[in-house]
Each structure stands twice: as C-alpha cells, then as structure tokens.
C-alpha cells in the first residue's frame, strides 16, 4: 500500500532558499539512493542464486525508495521554479522604473547630461 502523502508549508528567508533545498535533497535523497543501490546489489546477488521471490521484494523496496526520491525532487523543482520566478520578478520590478523613463520626455535640466 502506498503511503498517503500530504503537502506541508513553511517559510525561510529568500536568500536561504537554495541552501534549504540543498539540505532537503542531501538529507533525504542521498541516503535513500545509497540504500536503493544496496537493495539493487542484493537483488542482483539473489538473481544469481535463482531466488526470484526474494528478488521481487528487494526490487519493491528499491521502487519505494526511488518513488520517495522522485517526490522530493518534484517538490524541490517546484520550490526552485518559484524561487526563479520570484527572482525574475524582482529583477523586472527593479528594471521597470528605469526602462519606463524616456530621457527625451524628461524636463530640461533633469538629467546629468548637458544638452
């Protein structure tokens, strides 16, 4: 039976987003991938011993671990896409007032240039 998944929300400082995603991925995905690799090695050895039923259990464990990693990567990508979008929005907001000003529409003497 697949465990029920729930969405949780918490906040961090904008400048900490990348570090937080790295922490999440490093603390969960890496150990799970190492464990999945161990199960795959065990499955390979069991196949060489002609033990199909036990191999199936090992493969099921690998798939469950990889599904958890996939969920984590999906969530991480969503966070990163939001981060990039927010960062792009900040850049656009910073540039918008500068781009909106047409120096030819400005009153004489309002610019630093002599003209």
C-alpha atoms as a PDB file:
ATOM      1  CA  UNK A   1       0.000   0.000   0.000  1.00  0.00           C
ATOM      2  CA  UNK A   2       1.358   3.417  -0.981  1.00  0.00           C
ATOM      3  CA  UNK A   3       1.685   5.761   1.999  1.00  0.00           C
ATOM      4  CA  UNK A   4      -0.614   8.765   1.946  1.00  0.00           C
ATOM      5  CA  UNK A   5       1.219  11.969   1.039  1.00  0.00           C
ATOM      6  CA  UNK A   6       0.411  15.397   2.425  1.00  0.00           C
ATOM      7  CA  UNK A   7       1.691  18.836   1.477  1.00  0.00           C
ATOM      8  CA  UNK A   8       3.305  20.905   4.188  1.00  0.00           C
ATOM      9  CA  UNK A   9       4.343  24.529   4.072  1.00  0.00           C
ATOM     10  CA  UNK A  10       6.974  26.511   5.896  1.00  0.00           C
ATOM     11  CA  UNK A  11       8.973  29.601   5.119  1.00  0.00           C
ATOM     12  CA  UNK A  12      12.631  30.582   5.040  1.00  0.00           C
ATOM     13  CA  UNK A  13      14.388  33.797   4.170  1.00  0.00           C
ATOM     14  CA  UNK A  14      14.536  34.305   0.391  1.00  0.00           C
ATOM     15  CA  UNK A  15      18.339  34.204   0.472  1.00  0.00           C
ATOM     16  CA  UNK A  16      18.223  30.794   2.204  1.00  0.00           C
ATOM     17  CA  UNK A  17      16.016  29.024  -0.354  1.00  0.00           C
ATOM     18  CA  UNK A  18      18.839  27.346  -2.282  1.00  0.00           C
ATOM     19  CA  UNK A  19      20.570  26.201   0.908  1.00  0.00           C
ATOM     20  CA  UNK A  20      17.279  24.816   2.222  1.00  0.00           C
ATOM     21  CA  UNK A  21      16.605  22.843  -0.965  1.00  0.00           C
ATOM     22  CA  UNK A  22      20.184  21.519  -0.836  1.00  0.00           C
ATOM     23  CA  UNK A  23      19.614  20.484   2.784  1.00  0.00           C
ATOM     24  CA  UNK A  24      16.364  18.711   1.941  1.00  0.00           C
ATOM     25  CA  UNK A  25      17.804  16.857  -1.021  1.00  0.00           C
ATOM     26  CA  UNK A  26      21.029  15.990   0.754  1.00  0.00           C
ATOM     27  CA  UNK A  27      19.395  14.782   3.946  1.00  0.00           C
ATOM     28  CA  UNK A  28      16.760  12.596   2.285  1.00  0.00           C
ATOM     29  CA  UNK A  29      17.615  11.766  -1.311  1.00  0.00           C
ATOM     30  CA  UNK A  30      21.258  10.816  -0.894  1.00  0.00           C
ATOM     31  CA  UNK A  31      20.723   8.251   1.895  1.00  0.00           C
ATOM     32  CA  UNK A  32      17.738   6.791   0.047  1.00  0.00           C
ATOM     33  CA  UNK A  33      19.750   6.457  -3.161  1.00  0.00           C
ATOM     34  CA  UNK A  34      22.552   4.713  -1.273  1.00  0.00           C
ATOM     35  CA  UNK A  35      20.035   2.339   0.294  1.00  0.00           C
ATOM     36  CA  UNK A  36      18.369   1.713  -3.091  1.00  0.00           C
ATOM     37  CA  UNK A  37      21.773   0.847  -4.538  1.00  0.00           C
ATOM     38  CA  UNK A  38      22.340  -1.639  -1.701  1.00  0.00           C
ATOM     39  CA  UNK A  39      18.973  -3.279  -2.407  1.00  0.00           C
ATOM     40  CA  UNK A  40      19.832  -3.473  -6.117  1.00  0.00           C
ATOM     41  CA  UNK A  41      23.129  -5.167  -5.311  1.00  0.00           C
ATOM     42  CA  UNK A  42      21.271  -7.609  -3.085  1.00  0.00           C
ATOM     43  CA  UNK A  43      18.695  -8.234  -5.827  1.00  0.00           C
ATOM     44  CA  UNK A  44      21.462  -8.955  -8.316  1.00  0.00           C
ATOM     45  CA  UNK A  45      23.065 -11.453  -5.945  1.00  0.00           C
ATOM     46  CA  UNK A  46      19.701 -13.092  -5.269  1.00  0.00           C
ATOM     47  CA  UNK A  47      19.065 -13.462  -9.002  1.00  0.00           C
ATOM     48  CA  UNK A  48      22.403 -15.210  -9.380  1.00  0.00           C
ATOM     49  CA  UNK A  49      21.216 -17.595  -6.649  1.00  0.00           C
ATOM     50  CA  UNK A  50      17.943 -18.099  -8.584  1.00  0.00           C
ATOM     51  CA  UNK A  51      15.835 -16.586  -5.805  1.00  0.00           C
ATOM     52  CA  UNK A  52      13.078 -14.806  -7.724  1.00  0.00           C
ATOM     53  CA  UNK A  53      10.600 -14.172  -4.898  1.00  0.00           C
ATOM     54  CA  UNK A  54      13.138 -12.524  -2.596  1.00  0.00           C
ATOM     55  CA  UNK A  55      14.436 -10.514  -5.556  1.00  0.00           C
ATOM     56  CA  UNK A  56      10.934  -9.176  -6.137  1.00  0.00           C
ATOM     57  CA  UNK A  57      10.828  -7.918  -2.531  1.00  0.00           C
ATOM     58  CA  UNK A  58      14.196  -6.178  -2.972  1.00  0.00           C
ATOM     59  CA  UNK A  59      13.008  -4.570  -6.185  1.00  0.00           C
ATOM     60  CA  UNK A  60       9.825  -3.400  -4.465  1.00  0.00           C
ATOM     61  CA  UNK A  61      11.988  -1.733  -1.790  1.00  0.00           C
ATOM     62  CA  UNK A  62      14.081  -0.032  -4.487  1.00  0.00           C
ATOM     63  CA  UNK A  63      10.984   1.262  -6.252  1.00  0.00           C
ATOM     64  CA  UNK A  64       9.537   2.618  -2.991  1.00  0.00           C
ATOM     65  CA  UNK A  65      12.805   4.392  -2.205  1.00  0.00           C
ATOM     66  CA  UNK A  66      13.056   5.823  -5.712  1.00  0.00           C
ATOM     67  CA  UNK A  67       9.428   6.974  -5.570  1.00  0.00           C
ATOM     68  CA  UNK A  68      10.246   8.880  -2.380  1.00  0.00           C
ATOM     69  CA  UNK A  69      13.252  10.471  -4.077  1.00  0.00           C
ATOM     70  CA  UNK A  70      11.090  11.351  -7.073  1.00  0.00           C
ATOM     71  CA  UNK A  71       8.518  13.064  -4.825  1.00  0.00           C
ATOM     72  CA  UNK A  72      11.319  15.005  -3.138  1.00  0.00           C
ATOM     73  CA  UNK A  73      12.793  16.055  -6.477  1.00  0.00           C
ATOM     74  CA  UNK A  74       9.366  17.128  -7.744  1.00  0.00           C
ATOM     75  CA  UNK A  75       8.819  19.239  -4.626  1.00  0.00           C
ATOM     76  CA  UNK A  76      12.339  20.676  -4.882  1.00  0.00           C
ATOM     77  CA  UNK A  77      11.817  21.614  -8.509  1.00  0.00           C
ATOM     78  CA  UNK A  78       8.571  23.360  -7.603  1.00  0.00           C
ATOM     79  CA  UNK A  79      10.365  25.343  -4.909  1.00  0.00           C
ATOM     80  CA  UNK A  80      13.186  26.242  -7.308  1.00  0.00           C
ATOM     81  CA  UNK A  81      10.778  27.290 -10.056  1.00  0.00           C
ATOM     82  CA  UNK A  82       9.035  29.572  -7.561  1.00  0.00           C
ATOM     83  CA  UNK A  83      12.401  30.936  -6.472  1.00  0.00           C
ATOM     84  CA  UNK A  84      13.466  31.662 -10.062  1.00  0.00           C
ATOM     85  CA  UNK A  85      10.099  33.251 -10.803  1.00  0.00           C
ATOM     86  CA  UNK A  86      10.321  35.460  -7.709  1.00  0.00           C
ATOM     87  CA  UNK A  87      13.909  36.382  -8.520  1.00  0.00           C
ATOM     88  CA  UNK A  88      12.924  37.242 -12.095  1.00  0.00           C
ATOM     89  CA  UNK A  89      10.025  39.299 -10.785  1.00  0.00           C
ATOM     90  CA  UNK A  90      12.382  41.224  -8.508  1.00  0.00           C
ATOM     91  CA  UNK A  91      14.692  41.908 -11.423  1.00  0.00           C
ATOM     92  CA  UNK A  92      11.790  43.014 -13.614  1.00  0.00           C
ATOM     93  CA  UNK A  93      10.483  45.314 -10.858  1.00  0.00           C
ATOM     94  CA  UNK A  94      13.941  46.812 -10.353  1.00  0.00           C
ATOM     95  CA  UNK A  95      14.361  47.468 -14.061  1.00  0.00           C
ATOM     96  CA  UNK A  96      10.824  48.614 -14.844  1.00  0.00           C
ATOM     97  CA  UNK A  97      11.116  52.169 -13.473  1.00  0.00           C
ATOM     98  CA  UNK A  98      14.429  52.659 -15.257  1.00  0.00           C
ATOM     99  CA  UNK A  99      13.070  51.348 -18.537  1.00  0.00           C
ATOM    100  CA  UNK A 100       9.884  53.408 -18.217  1.00  0.00           C
ATOM    101  CA  UNK A 101      11.803  56.688 -18.098  1.00  0.00           C
ATOM    102  CA  UNK A 102      12.381  58.178 -21.522  1.00  0.00           C
ATOM    103  CA  UNK A 103      15.124  60.816 -21.264  1.00  0.00           C
ATOM    104  CA  UNK A 104      13.564  62.769 -24.157  1.00  0.00           C
ATOM    105  CA  UNK A 105      10.335  63.168 -22.161  1.00  0.00           C
ATOM    106  CA  UNK A 106      12.147  64.499 -19.094  1.00  0.00           C
ATOM    107  CA  UNK A 107      12.140  68.249 -18.388  1.00  0.00           C
ATOM    108  CA  UNK A 108      15.302  70.074 -19.422  1.00  0.00           C
ATOM    109  CA  UNK A 109      17.874  70.045 -16.644  1.00  0.00           C
ATOM    110  CA  UNK A 110      16.511  66.851 -15.071  1.00  0.00           C
ATOM    111  CA  UNK A 111      19.375  64.748 -16.424  1.00  0.00           C
ATOM    112  CA  UNK A 112      23.053  64.844 -15.592  1.00  0.00           C
ATOM    113  CA  UNK A 113      23.925  65.336 -19.254  1.00  0.00           C
ATOM    114  CA  UNK A 114      24.261  68.753 -20.723  1.00  0.00           C
ATOM    115  CA  UNK A 115      22.028  69.140 -23.589  1.00  0.00           C
END
